[in-house]
């Protein structure tokens, strides 16, 4: 695994971060975040005391954080405690600091919105539309993207009906579909577009989205007719669905003389990326 460690701005102050390509996760230096939020002259001591407190309270957070080598102030690579995004947000909730309040308010807002969306799913689409518009997407692309979410939901519902429940199984089946129609695995596709944590579908062109929807919709329909049993049979159906879109892709490329799968991504077209910085909305 190739390590990618860099300095990232966090409320205009530096935080060391690391991208784990295998897990597709960002890891943040806990000491750096603690120093920013607490303004403590001894952030390492503060963090050690907080870890002890969390353990006494029965929290598993401090036990689950990992360690990675990151550049120290003397320029050398030294081991330091790190947290992924979910762990970091949980950690922030435990720190009594005015600087932590915007994060806590944002988490409360997001939690409330999710409860609202459970009661009225249409709200999720409205919020998605607003978010995509803010990021610079066209309304035509957004409408197509929202349709792709509906198609994807129908597919995952069908997989659940066929006994697929684990997230890893969903990911493997998705990978089968993607590779079948695009000749690239999901990781290869994202790497081709220069993406890390960013959502692949959010960085597809209109044509890529259409073919991906065709692949997923075809998989759903084939599954409904053949009623596959077990993970192995579902994989075969996923490949069949993907191959339907592959044939369409090859015909389009034959007629246009251009490849459908493009290296273009949202960051290149709008200059924005979800992972450029931590964005806490007011």
Protein backbone atom coordinates (compact mmCIF):
# COMPACT_ATOMS: atom_id res chain seq x y z
CA UNK A 1 0.00 0.00 0.00
CA UNK A 2 1.40 3.37 -0.98
CA UNK A 3 1.19 5.83 1.91
CA UNK A 4 0.01 9.36 1.25
CA UNK A 5 0.62 11.68 4.19
CA UNK A 6 0.22 15.43 4.02
CA UNK A 7 -0.66 18.53 6.01
CA UNK A 8 -4.31 19.61 5.83
CA UNK A 9 -5.92 22.85 6.96
CA UNK A 10 -8.46 22.48 9.75
CA UNK A 11 -10.07 25.76 10.79
CA UNK A 12 -7.00 27.52 9.28
CA UNK A 13 -4.59 25.45 11.39
CA UNK A 14 -2.46 22.52 10.32
CA UNK A 15 -3.47 18.92 10.89
CA UNK A 16 -1.48 15.96 9.66
CA UNK A 17 -3.58 13.55 7.63
CA UNK A 18 -3.00 10.22 5.92
CA UNK A 19 -4.93 8.57 3.08
CA UNK A 20 -5.17 4.78 3.33
CA UNK A 21 -5.82 3.62 -0.22
CA UNK A 22 -6.62 0.03 0.75
CA UNK A 23 -9.34 1.05 3.24
CA UNK A 24 -10.27 4.23 1.36
CA UNK A 25 -10.16 6.25 4.57
CA UNK A 26 -8.62 9.47 5.78
CA UNK A 27 -6.79 9.34 9.11
CA UNK A 28 -6.18 12.48 11.18
CA UNK A 29 -3.56 13.17 13.84
CA UNK A 30 -5.48 13.25 17.12
CA UNK A 31 -2.83 15.36 18.87
CA UNK A 32 -3.13 18.08 16.22
CA UNK A 33 -6.93 18.21 16.50
CA UNK A 34 -6.80 18.21 20.33
CA UNK A 35 -4.29 21.08 20.26
CA UNK A 36 -6.53 23.16 17.98
CA UNK A 37 -9.76 22.56 19.88
CA UNK A 38 -8.37 22.87 23.42
CA UNK A 39 -5.54 25.36 22.78
CA UNK A 40 -3.66 23.32 25.38
CA UNK A 41 0.12 23.94 25.58
CA UNK A 42 0.48 20.19 26.27
CA UNK A 43 -1.96 18.47 23.88
CA UNK A 44 -0.31 15.06 24.30
CA UNK A 45 -0.88 15.16 28.06
CA UNK A 46 -4.48 16.32 27.49
CA UNK A 47 -5.10 13.43 25.09
CA UNK A 48 -3.58 10.87 27.49
CA UNK A 49 -5.84 12.12 30.29
CA UNK A 50 -8.85 12.05 27.97
CA UNK A 51 -8.05 8.47 26.93
CA UNK A 52 -7.97 7.40 30.59
CA UNK A 53 -11.29 9.15 31.23
CA UNK A 54 -12.92 7.49 28.23
CA UNK A 55 -11.71 4.06 29.32
CA UNK A 56 -13.09 4.60 32.82
CA UNK A 57 -16.45 5.54 31.29
CA UNK A 58 -16.47 2.33 29.26
CA UNK A 59 -15.96 4.00 25.88
CA UNK A 60 -14.20 1.88 23.25
CA UNK A 61 -13.12 4.94 21.26
CA UNK A 62 -9.67 5.30 22.81
CA UNK A 63 -9.03 1.56 22.45
CA UNK A 64 -9.92 1.54 18.76
CA UNK A 65 -7.72 4.39 17.56
CA UNK A 66 -4.65 3.36 15.61
CA UNK A 67 -1.14 4.68 15.12
CA UNK A 68 0.69 5.78 11.98
CA UNK A 69 4.06 7.35 11.21
CA UNK A 70 3.65 11.04 10.49
CA UNK A 71 6.12 13.93 10.15
CA UNK A 72 7.03 15.45 13.55
CA UNK A 73 8.17 19.02 14.18
CA UNK A 74 11.79 17.91 13.79
CA UNK A 75 11.05 16.57 10.31
CA UNK A 76 11.33 12.91 11.29
CA UNK A 77 8.58 10.35 10.83
CA UNK A 78 7.21 9.36 14.24
CA UNK A 79 4.33 7.17 15.41
CA UNK A 80 1.26 9.14 16.48
CA UNK A 81 -2.33 8.31 17.44
CA UNK A 82 -4.75 8.72 14.53
CA UNK A 83 -8.52 8.59 14.06
CA UNK A 84 -10.65 8.07 10.97
CA UNK A 85 -13.44 10.54 10.20
CA UNK A 86 -16.11 8.76 12.28
CA UNK A 87 -13.78 8.35 15.27
CA UNK A 88 -12.68 11.97 14.97
CA UNK A 89 -16.25 13.28 15.09
CA UNK A 90 -16.99 11.08 18.12
CA UNK A 91 -13.82 12.38 19.79
CA UNK A 92 -14.79 15.99 19.15
CA UNK A 93 -18.05 15.41 21.02
CA UNK A 94 -16.08 14.51 24.17
CA UNK A 95 -14.02 17.73 24.21
CA UNK A 96 -15.51 20.68 26.16
CA UNK A 97 -14.30 23.53 23.99
CA UNK A 98 -15.94 26.53 22.29
CA UNK A 99 -14.07 25.55 19.13
CA UNK A 100 -15.73 22.12 19.21
CA UNK A 101 -19.25 23.61 19.37
CA UNK A 102 -19.65 24.14 15.58
CA UNK A 103 -18.91 20.45 15.05
CA UNK A 104 -21.33 19.38 17.81
CA UNK A 105 -24.07 21.61 16.40
CA UNK A 106 -23.43 20.23 12.91
CA UNK A 107 -23.63 16.63 14.17
CA UNK A 108 -26.90 17.40 15.96
CA UNK A 109 -28.27 19.03 12.80
CA UNK A 110 -27.29 16.06 10.64
CA UNK A 111 -28.81 13.62 13.13
CA UNK A 112 -32.07 15.56 13.19
CA UNK A 113 -32.17 15.70 9.39
CA UNK A 114 -31.70 11.92 9.16
CA UNK A 115 -34.66 11.41 11.50
CA UNK A 116 -36.75 13.77 9.35
CA UNK A 117 -35.73 11.88 6.20
CA UNK A 118 -36.81 8.59 7.75
CA UNK A 119 -40.29 10.03 8.21
CA UNK A 120 -40.33 11.81 4.82
CA UNK A 121 -37.80 10.32 2.31
CA UNK A 122 -38.56 13.10 -0.19
CA UNK A 123 -36.61 15.49 2.06
CA UNK A 124 -33.44 13.50 1.34
CA UNK A 125 -33.83 14.19 -2.38
CA UNK A 126 -34.49 17.89 -1.77
CA UNK A 127 -31.36 18.19 0.36
CA UNK A 128 -29.34 16.21 -2.17
CA UNK A 129 -30.49 18.61 -4.90
CA UNK A 130 -29.44 21.62 -2.83
CA UNK A 131 -26.05 20.09 -2.04
CA UNK A 132 -25.29 19.23 -5.68
CA UNK A 133 -26.33 22.72 -6.82
CA UNK A 134 -23.99 24.26 -4.25
CA UNK A 135 -21.17 22.13 -5.63
CA UNK A 136 -21.71 23.47 -9.13
CA UNK A 137 -23.53 20.60 -10.86
CA UNK A 138 -26.08 21.33 -13.58
CA UNK A 139 -29.76 20.64 -12.89
CA UNK A 140 -29.81 18.15 -15.79
CA UNK A 141 -26.96 16.14 -14.28
CA UNK A 142 -28.53 16.32 -10.80
CA UNK A 143 -31.86 14.95 -12.04
CA UNK A 144 -30.03 12.05 -13.62
CA UNK A 145 -27.98 11.48 -10.48
CA UNK A 146 -31.09 11.39 -8.32
CA UNK A 147 -32.64 8.89 -10.73
CA UNK A 148 -29.52 6.75 -10.34
CA UNK A 149 -30.08 6.73 -6.58
CA UNK A 150 -33.59 5.36 -7.15
CA UNK A 151 -32.25 2.66 -9.49
CA UNK A 152 -29.55 1.75 -6.98
CA UNK A 153 -32.12 1.46 -4.17
CA UNK A 154 -34.23 -0.94 -6.26
CA UNK A 155 -31.14 -3.08 -6.82
CA UNK A 156 -30.12 -3.20 -3.14
CA UNK A 157 -33.71 -4.05 -2.19
CA UNK A 158 -33.61 -6.94 -4.67
CA UNK A 159 -30.28 -8.14 -3.26
CA UNK A 160 -31.74 -8.10 0.24
CA UNK A 161 -34.70 -10.14 -1.01
CA UNK A 162 -32.16 -12.64 -2.36
CA UNK A 163 -30.52 -12.93 1.07
CA UNK A 164 -27.60 -10.51 0.59
CA UNK A 165 -27.12 -8.56 3.83
CA UNK A 166 -23.44 -7.84 4.50
CA UNK A 167 -21.94 -4.52 3.35
CA UNK A 168 -18.89 -6.31 1.98
CA UNK A 169 -21.13 -8.51 -0.19
CA UNK A 170 -22.92 -5.43 -1.55
CA UNK A 171 -19.51 -3.94 -2.37
CA UNK A 172 -18.31 -7.10 -4.14
CA UNK A 173 -21.48 -7.35 -6.23
CA UNK A 174 -21.24 -3.66 -7.13
CA UNK A 175 -17.65 -4.24 -8.17
CA UNK A 176 -18.75 -7.13 -10.41
CA UNK A 177 -21.28 -4.89 -12.18
CA UNK A 178 -18.84 -2.01 -12.58
CA UNK A 179 -16.05 -4.18 -13.93
CA UNK A 180 -18.40 -5.94 -16.33
CA UNK A 181 -19.65 -2.77 -18.03
CA UNK A 182 -16.60 -0.49 -17.74
CA UNK A 183 -13.72 -3.03 -17.81
CA UNK A 184 -12.50 -1.43 -14.57
CA UNK A 185 -12.96 -2.37 -10.94
CA UNK A 186 -14.37 0.34 -8.70
CA UNK A 187 -10.89 1.08 -7.32
CA UNK A 188 -9.36 1.17 -10.79
CA UNK A 189 -12.16 3.46 -11.98
CA UNK A 190 -11.66 5.86 -9.06
CA UNK A 191 -7.89 5.81 -9.52
CA UNK A 192 -8.38 6.56 -13.24
CA UNK A 193 -10.38 9.64 -12.29
CA UNK A 194 -7.90 10.66 -9.60
CA UNK A 195 -10.41 10.11 -6.78
CA UNK A 196 -9.92 9.01 -3.20
CA UNK A 197 -12.91 9.05 -0.83
CA UNK A 198 -15.06 10.93 -3.33
CA UNK A 199 -18.16 9.12 -4.59
CA UNK A 200 -17.53 7.55 -8.00
CA UNK A 201 -21.04 8.24 -9.31
CA UNK A 202 -20.72 11.90 -8.32
CA UNK A 203 -17.79 12.09 -10.73
CA UNK A 204 -19.35 10.33 -13.72
CA UNK A 205 -20.39 12.05 -16.92
CA UNK A 206 -24.02 11.89 -18.06
CA UNK A 207 -23.20 8.97 -20.35
CA UNK A 208 -21.27 7.09 -17.68
CA UNK A 209 -24.20 7.54 -15.29
CA UNK A 210 -26.68 6.28 -17.89
CA UNK A 211 -24.65 3.13 -18.56
CA UNK A 212 -24.13 2.51 -14.86
CA UNK A 213 -27.90 2.83 -14.33
CA UNK A 214 -28.50 0.45 -17.25
CA UNK A 215 -26.12 -2.07 -15.68
CA UNK A 216 -27.81 -1.88 -12.27
CA UNK A 217 -31.37 -1.84 -13.64
CA UNK A 218 -30.55 -4.85 -15.85
CA UNK A 219 -29.13 -6.71 -12.87
CA UNK A 220 -32.33 -6.02 -10.91
CA UNK A 221 -34.60 -7.26 -13.70
CA UNK A 222 -32.52 -10.40 -14.38
CA UNK A 223 -32.48 -11.16 -10.66
CA UNK A 224 -36.26 -10.81 -10.39
CA UNK A 225 -36.73 -13.33 -13.21
CA UNK A 226 -34.00 -15.86 -12.34
CA UNK A 227 -34.28 -15.57 -8.52
CA UNK A 228 -30.62 -16.43 -7.76
CA UNK A 229 -29.86 -18.25 -4.52
CA UNK A 230 -26.63 -17.71 -2.62
CA UNK A 231 -23.83 -15.25 -3.13
CA UNK A 232 -22.27 -17.14 -6.06
CA UNK A 233 -25.41 -17.05 -8.16
CA UNK A 234 -25.92 -13.36 -7.38
CA UNK A 235 -22.39 -12.66 -8.64
CA UNK A 236 -23.24 -14.34 -11.95
CA UNK A 237 -26.39 -12.22 -12.28
CA UNK A 238 -24.38 -9.06 -11.47
CA UNK A 239 -21.97 -9.85 -14.31
CA UNK A 240 -24.87 -10.49 -16.71
CA UNK A 241 -26.44 -7.14 -15.81
CA UNK A 242 -23.12 -5.38 -16.25
CA UNK A 243 -22.57 -7.06 -19.63
CA UNK A 244 -25.84 -5.61 -20.93
CA UNK A 245 -24.40 -2.12 -20.39
CA UNK A 246 -20.98 -3.20 -21.70
CA UNK A 247 -22.50 -4.08 -25.07
CA UNK A 248 -24.14 -0.64 -25.17
CA UNK A 249 -20.86 1.01 -24.22
CA UNK A 250 -18.92 -0.76 -26.97
CA UNK A 251 -21.53 0.16 -29.57
CA UNK A 252 -21.43 3.83 -28.52
CA UNK A 253 -17.63 3.81 -28.72
CA UNK A 254 -17.82 2.18 -32.16
CA UNK A 255 -20.23 4.82 -33.43
CA UNK A 256 -18.44 7.83 -31.88
CA UNK A 257 -14.83 6.70 -32.00
CA UNK A 258 -14.40 7.96 -28.42
CA UNK A 259 -14.08 6.12 -25.10
CA UNK A 260 -17.07 6.41 -22.79
CA UNK A 261 -15.14 5.96 -19.54
CA UNK A 262 -13.54 9.33 -18.91
CA UNK A 263 -10.81 10.53 -16.55
CA UNK A 264 -12.84 13.71 -16.03
CA UNK A 265 -14.06 14.25 -12.47
CA UNK A 266 -15.96 16.85 -10.47
CA UNK A 267 -12.81 18.32 -8.96
CA UNK A 268 -11.51 19.07 -12.45
CA UNK A 269 -14.78 20.57 -13.68
CA UNK A 270 -15.88 22.53 -10.60
CA UNK A 271 -12.64 22.85 -8.65
CA UNK A 272 -14.36 21.32 -5.61
CA UNK A 273 -13.91 18.03 -3.80
CA UNK A 274 -15.47 16.71 -0.62
CA UNK A 275 -12.07 15.73 0.69
CA UNK A 276 -10.30 19.03 0.02
CA UNK A 277 -11.26 20.16 3.50
CA UNK A 278 -13.61 19.43 6.36
CA UNK A 279 -16.72 21.45 5.66
CA UNK A 280 -18.94 22.17 8.64
CA UNK A 281 -22.03 23.91 7.38
CA UNK A 282 -23.48 26.75 9.41
